[in-house]
């Protein structure tokens, strides 16, 4: 019974901590959703360097933006081609 209560307490504390981190993330307008933030926190808890993780997130965002822009240009070119 004690182990069960302890596990529930740890889970509750983790959830509360994640809630606070998510609130801070929202205030800082990081654009991270709860699931992503949870994954990133878990990675740092396993020893992943937070600065390296931040650099990866930034690079993935840059790549995603570039890909979206390229897709938009391709759609526009396709519309222009069809209009001719």
Protein backbone atom coordinates (compact mmCIF):
# COMPACT_ATOMS: atom_id res chain seq x y z
CA UNK A 1 0.00 0.00 0.00
CA UNK A 2 2.82 2.39 0.87
CA UNK A 3 4.51 1.76 -2.50
CA UNK A 4 1.25 2.46 -4.29
CA UNK A 5 0.78 5.75 -2.43
CA UNK A 6 4.38 6.72 -3.10
CA UNK A 7 4.01 6.00 -6.83
CA UNK A 8 0.82 8.06 -6.94
CA UNK A 9 2.58 10.91 -5.15
CA UNK A 10 5.51 10.83 -7.58
CA UNK A 11 3.14 10.73 -10.56
CA UNK A 12 1.17 13.65 -9.14
CA UNK A 13 4.34 15.66 -8.55
CA UNK A 14 5.54 14.95 -12.11
CA UNK A 15 2.19 16.02 -13.52
CA UNK A 16 2.21 19.22 -11.47
CA UNK A 17 5.76 19.97 -12.55
CA UNK A 18 4.86 19.44 -16.19
CA UNK A 19 1.83 21.72 -15.74
CA UNK A 20 4.07 24.48 -14.38
CA UNK A 21 6.63 23.97 -17.14
CA UNK A 22 3.86 24.08 -19.74
CA UNK A 23 2.51 27.33 -18.25
CA UNK A 24 5.98 28.86 -18.41
CA UNK A 25 6.39 27.56 -21.96
CA UNK A 26 3.11 29.24 -22.93
CA UNK A 27 4.14 32.53 -21.29
CA UNK A 28 7.41 32.43 -23.22
CA UNK A 29 5.50 31.60 -26.41
CA UNK A 30 7.72 28.62 -27.22
CA UNK A 31 5.09 26.98 -29.39
CA UNK A 32 5.64 23.65 -27.65
CA UNK A 33 2.59 21.52 -26.94
CA UNK A 34 2.30 19.43 -23.78
CA UNK A 35 3.30 16.20 -25.48
CA UNK A 36 6.43 17.69 -27.03
CA UNK A 37 7.37 19.40 -23.78
CA UNK A 38 6.92 16.10 -21.93
CA UNK A 39 9.20 14.34 -24.42
CA UNK A 40 11.84 17.05 -24.12
CA UNK A 41 11.72 16.96 -20.32
CA UNK A 42 12.04 13.18 -20.42
CA UNK A 43 15.07 13.42 -22.68
CA UNK A 44 16.78 15.90 -20.37
CA UNK A 45 16.01 13.64 -17.41
CA UNK A 46 17.86 10.83 -19.18
CA UNK A 47 20.92 13.03 -19.57
CA UNK A 48 20.47 14.67 -22.98
CA UNK A 49 22.10 18.10 -23.03
CA UNK A 50 19.30 20.72 -22.90
CA UNK A 51 21.25 23.17 -25.07
CA UNK A 52 21.77 20.52 -27.74
CA UNK A 53 18.09 19.62 -27.54
CA UNK A 54 17.12 23.29 -27.98
CA UNK A 55 19.39 23.52 -31.02
CA UNK A 56 17.74 20.45 -32.55
CA UNK A 57 14.25 21.87 -31.94
CA UNK A 58 15.26 25.17 -33.56
CA UNK A 59 16.77 23.40 -36.56
CA UNK A 60 13.69 21.21 -37.00
CA UNK A 61 11.51 24.32 -36.94
CA UNK A 62 13.71 26.00 -39.57
CA UNK A 63 13.59 22.92 -41.77
CA UNK A 64 9.83 22.63 -41.34
CA UNK A 65 9.33 26.29 -42.31
CA UNK A 66 11.56 25.91 -45.35
CA UNK A 67 9.68 22.79 -46.43
CA UNK A 68 6.31 24.49 -46.01
CA UNK A 69 7.50 27.47 -48.05
CA UNK A 70 8.79 25.19 -50.81
CA UNK A 71 5.49 23.30 -50.88
CA UNK A 72 3.55 26.58 -51.09
CA UNK A 73 5.74 27.73 -54.00
CA UNK A 74 5.22 24.40 -55.78
CA UNK A 75 1.43 24.67 -55.36
CA UNK A 76 1.50 28.23 -56.67
CA UNK A 77 3.59 27.23 -59.68
CA UNK A 78 1.20 24.35 -60.38
CA UNK A 79 -1.78 26.74 -60.25
CA UNK A 80 0.00 29.17 -62.58
CA UNK A 81 0.84 26.35 -65.00
CA UNK A 82 -2.77 25.16 -65.07
CA UNK A 83 -4.04 28.70 -65.59
CA UNK A 84 -2.00 29.13 -68.79
